Amino acid sequence: GGYVTLSHRWVQPITEECSTIGRNLEARLQGRGFENLPRIFTDAILLCFHLKIRYIWIDALCIVQDDDNTHS
């Protein structure tokens, strides 16, 4: 299946507040903690839903932002 990626400009502190980090990773993996996403994220997710695209990659959500092993 296909997927969509969202390329976006980070807006401080909004994007940081909704990012996946070590302390909320377990909740994210269980599908929790997505209540306060920025509008750009929710709009992209809804667009994918309406286009019947099952997967979306948003770096702030899909990459653990405070994990030194995930950065080049």
Protein backbone atom coordinates (compact mmCIF):
# COMPACT_ATOMS: atom_id res chain seq x y z
CA GLY A 1 0.00 0.00 0.00
CA GLY A 2 0.90 3.57 -0.56
CA TYR A 3 1.45 6.30 1.95
CA VAL A 4 1.68 10.07 2.18
CA THR A 5 4.37 12.15 3.86
CA LEU A 6 3.77 15.53 5.41
CA SER A 7 6.57 18.02 4.99
CA HIS A 8 5.95 20.99 7.22
CA ARG A 9 7.62 23.95 8.86
CA TRP A 10 8.21 23.42 12.58
CA VAL A 11 6.44 26.06 14.61
CA GLN A 12 7.84 26.42 18.12
CA PRO A 13 6.50 25.47 20.64
CA ILE A 14 3.41 24.00 18.93
CA THR A 15 5.19 21.24 17.03
CA GLU A 16 7.44 20.40 19.99
CA GLU A 17 4.42 20.00 22.27
CA CYS A 18 2.84 17.38 20.02
CA SER A 19 6.04 15.55 19.06
CA THR A 20 6.74 11.96 19.97
CA ILE A 21 9.40 11.84 22.68
CA GLY A 22 10.65 9.17 25.03
CA ARG A 23 8.16 9.91 27.80
CA ASN A 24 5.07 9.65 25.55
CA LEU A 25 6.30 6.92 23.20
CA GLU A 26 4.44 4.06 24.91
CA ALA A 27 1.15 6.00 24.80
CA ARG A 28 1.70 6.79 21.10
CA LEU A 29 2.35 3.13 20.33
CA GLN A 30 -0.98 2.31 21.99
CA GLY A 31 -2.80 4.97 19.93
CA ARG A 32 -3.13 7.47 22.77
CA GLY A 33 -1.91 11.03 23.17
CA PHE A 34 -3.02 12.45 19.85
CA GLU A 35 -5.73 14.75 21.21
CA ASN A 36 -3.95 18.09 20.68
CA LEU A 37 -2.34 17.80 17.27
CA PRO A 38 -1.78 20.97 15.26
CA ARG A 39 -4.38 21.66 12.59
CA ILE A 40 -1.92 20.95 9.77
CA PHE A 41 -1.52 17.39 11.11
CA THR A 42 -5.24 16.75 11.57
CA ASP A 43 -6.07 18.22 8.15
CA ALA A 44 -3.48 15.95 6.51
CA ILE A 45 -4.81 12.90 8.38
CA LEU A 46 -8.39 13.71 7.37
CA LEU A 47 -7.36 14.21 3.74
CA CYS A 48 -5.70 10.79 3.72
CA PHE A 49 -8.84 9.28 5.22
CA HIS A 50 -11.03 10.82 2.53
CA LEU A 51 -8.63 9.71 -0.21
CA LYS A 52 -8.61 6.20 1.29
CA ILE A 53 -4.85 6.35 1.92
CA ARG A 54 -4.17 4.23 4.97
CA TYR A 55 -0.75 5.52 6.05
CA ILE A 56 0.74 8.96 6.65
CA TRP A 57 4.29 9.76 7.78
CA ILE A 58 4.66 12.89 9.90
CA ASP A 59 8.24 13.18 11.13
CA ALA A 60 7.32 14.86 14.43
CA LEU A 61 5.08 11.89 15.23
CA CYS A 62 6.93 9.00 13.59
CA ILE A 63 10.47 9.78 14.79
CA VAL A 64 11.21 9.85 18.52
CA GLN A 65 12.52 13.41 18.69
CA ASP A 66 14.69 13.12 21.80
CA ASP A 67 16.34 9.79 20.91
CA ASP A 68 19.99 10.34 19.95
CA ASN A 69 19.98 7.02 18.06
CA THR A 70 17.45 8.33 15.50
CA HIS A 71 19.47 11.35 14.40
CA SER A 72 22.23 11.32 11.80
